[in-house]
Amino acid sequence: MREGESFGFFTIASKCERLASLDQILEDSRKNGSVLVFGYESLMRNVTMHKTGKRLGRVFRVHRCYCISSPIGRSMSEKLGLTLRLDQCGSVTGITLHLDRKSEEEELSIL
């Protein structure tokens, strides 16, 4: 993660920022029902998440593409790898996981 930040790909949120974001999500879930996590690629196959259900889902106005050259991960400095990201337009099909209310905080803190 620090390597990606050093290349300017993203900024890592501070622990306080992450906790504030988690608190807001949990507060919203108490008002609006369960937390849904949309996943594609590896998250679709994550069988370890505590969930009460899952369904096929689709997010509109974005699509996934391997379009970010990255010197981190499995690539080499002389041959950059491509990283998956969501880009504008289109749609993405994946899985919506309905998190078990008893483990929402634990699961979201991992994500």
Protein backbone atom coordinates (compact mmCIF):
# COMPACT_ATOMS: atom_id res chain seq x y z
CA MET A 1 0.00 0.00 0.00
CA ARG A 2 2.71 2.47 0.93
CA GLU A 3 4.42 1.76 -2.40
CA GLY A 4 1.25 2.70 -4.30
CA GLU A 5 0.95 5.89 -2.29
CA SER A 6 4.60 6.78 -2.94
CA PHE A 7 3.95 6.54 -6.71
CA GLY A 8 0.98 8.89 -6.33
CA PHE A 9 -1.68 6.31 -7.26
CA PHE A 10 -3.75 7.05 -4.16
CA THR A 11 -3.62 8.56 -0.70
CA ILE A 12 -4.04 6.26 2.27
CA ALA A 13 -6.67 7.54 4.70
CA SER A 14 -5.55 8.05 8.28
CA LYS A 15 -6.80 5.71 10.98
CA CYS A 16 -9.10 8.49 12.27
CA GLU A 17 -10.54 9.01 8.76
CA ARG A 18 -11.16 5.27 8.33
CA LEU A 19 -12.86 4.98 11.73
CA ALA A 20 -15.06 8.04 11.02
CA SER A 21 -16.08 6.54 7.68
CA LEU A 22 -16.86 3.18 9.30
CA ASP A 23 -18.91 4.87 12.03
CA GLN A 24 -20.94 6.74 9.40
CA ILE A 25 -21.64 3.56 7.42
CA LEU A 26 -22.74 1.71 10.57
CA GLU A 27 -24.96 4.61 11.65
CA ASP A 28 -26.58 4.71 8.19
CA SER A 29 -27.13 0.93 8.24
CA ARG A 30 -28.99 1.16 11.54
CA LYS A 31 -31.37 3.68 9.97
CA ASN A 32 -31.76 2.05 6.56
CA GLY A 33 -31.42 -1.70 7.12
CA SER A 34 -28.57 -4.06 6.40
CA VAL A 35 -25.26 -3.24 4.78
CA LEU A 36 -24.85 -4.41 1.20
CA VAL A 37 -21.37 -4.88 -0.21
CA PHE A 38 -21.04 -4.98 -3.99
CA GLY A 39 -18.20 -7.15 -5.19
CA TYR A 40 -16.69 -8.25 -8.45
CA GLU A 41 -13.65 -10.36 -9.28
CA SER A 42 -12.05 -11.79 -6.10
CA LEU A 43 -14.66 -10.40 -3.67
CA MET A 44 -17.34 -12.42 -5.49
CA ARG A 45 -15.55 -15.60 -4.45
CA ASN A 46 -14.91 -14.58 -0.83
CA VAL A 47 -16.64 -17.31 1.13
CA THR A 48 -15.31 -16.16 4.50
CA MET A 49 -17.51 -13.06 4.83
CA HIS A 50 -20.32 -13.39 7.37
CA LYS A 51 -23.40 -12.72 5.29
CA THR A 52 -27.11 -13.42 5.49
CA GLY A 53 -27.53 -13.63 1.74
CA LYS A 54 -26.14 -12.79 -1.65
CA ARG A 55 -27.64 -11.90 -5.01
CA LEU A 56 -26.51 -11.05 -8.46
CA GLY A 57 -26.22 -7.29 -8.78
CA ARG A 58 -25.32 -4.64 -11.31
CA VAL A 59 -23.89 -1.15 -10.87
CA PHE A 60 -24.54 1.33 -13.65
CA ARG A 61 -22.46 4.23 -15.01
CA VAL A 62 -19.17 2.40 -14.40
CA HIS A 63 -17.35 -0.50 -15.99
CA ARG A 64 -14.25 -2.40 -14.98
CA CYS A 65 -11.14 -2.21 -17.06
CA TYR A 66 -7.48 -3.09 -16.74
CA CYS A 67 -6.30 0.40 -17.47
CA ILE A 68 -3.86 1.51 -14.75
CA SER A 69 -0.19 0.73 -15.36
CA SER A 70 1.32 -0.24 -12.06
CA PRO A 71 4.91 -0.89 -10.95
CA ILE A 72 3.63 -2.62 -7.79
CA GLY A 73 2.17 -6.09 -7.29
CA ARG A 74 3.12 -8.74 -9.82
CA SER A 75 4.71 -6.44 -12.38
CA MET A 76 8.36 -5.66 -13.07
CA SER A 77 9.96 -2.25 -13.53
CA GLU A 78 10.70 -3.00 -17.20
CA LYS A 79 7.19 -4.39 -17.83
CA LEU A 80 4.44 -2.71 -15.84
CA GLY A 81 1.38 -4.70 -14.88
CA LEU A 82 -2.19 -3.54 -15.34
CA THR A 83 -4.47 -2.93 -12.41
CA LEU A 84 -8.24 -3.25 -12.49
CA ARG A 85 -10.27 -0.14 -11.77
CA LEU A 86 -13.78 1.14 -12.29
CA ASP A 87 -14.08 3.66 -15.11
CA GLN A 88 -17.02 5.83 -16.18
CA CYS A 89 -19.79 4.57 -18.50
CA GLY A 90 -21.30 1.12 -18.92
CA SER A 91 -22.16 -1.29 -16.14
CA VAL A 92 -20.56 -3.92 -13.91
CA THR A 93 -22.15 -7.21 -12.91
CA GLY A 94 -21.16 -8.69 -9.59
CA ILE A 95 -22.56 -9.96 -6.33
CA THR A 96 -24.30 -8.02 -3.56
CA LEU A 97 -23.49 -9.50 -0.19
CA HIS A 98 -25.95 -8.79 2.64
CA LEU A 99 -23.74 -8.57 5.71
CA ASP A 100 -24.82 -10.25 8.93
CA ARG A 101 -25.72 -7.41 11.31
CA LYS A 102 -23.71 -9.05 14.13
CA SER A 103 -20.49 -8.89 12.10
CA GLU A 104 -20.96 -5.70 10.04
CA GLU A 105 -18.30 -3.74 11.89
CA GLU A 106 -15.77 -6.58 11.69
CA GLU A 107 -16.36 -7.20 7.97
CA LEU A 108 -16.31 -3.52 7.00
CA SER A 109 -13.11 -2.91 8.96
CA ILE A 110 -11.42 -5.58 6.81
CA LEU A 111 -12.61 -4.01 3.56
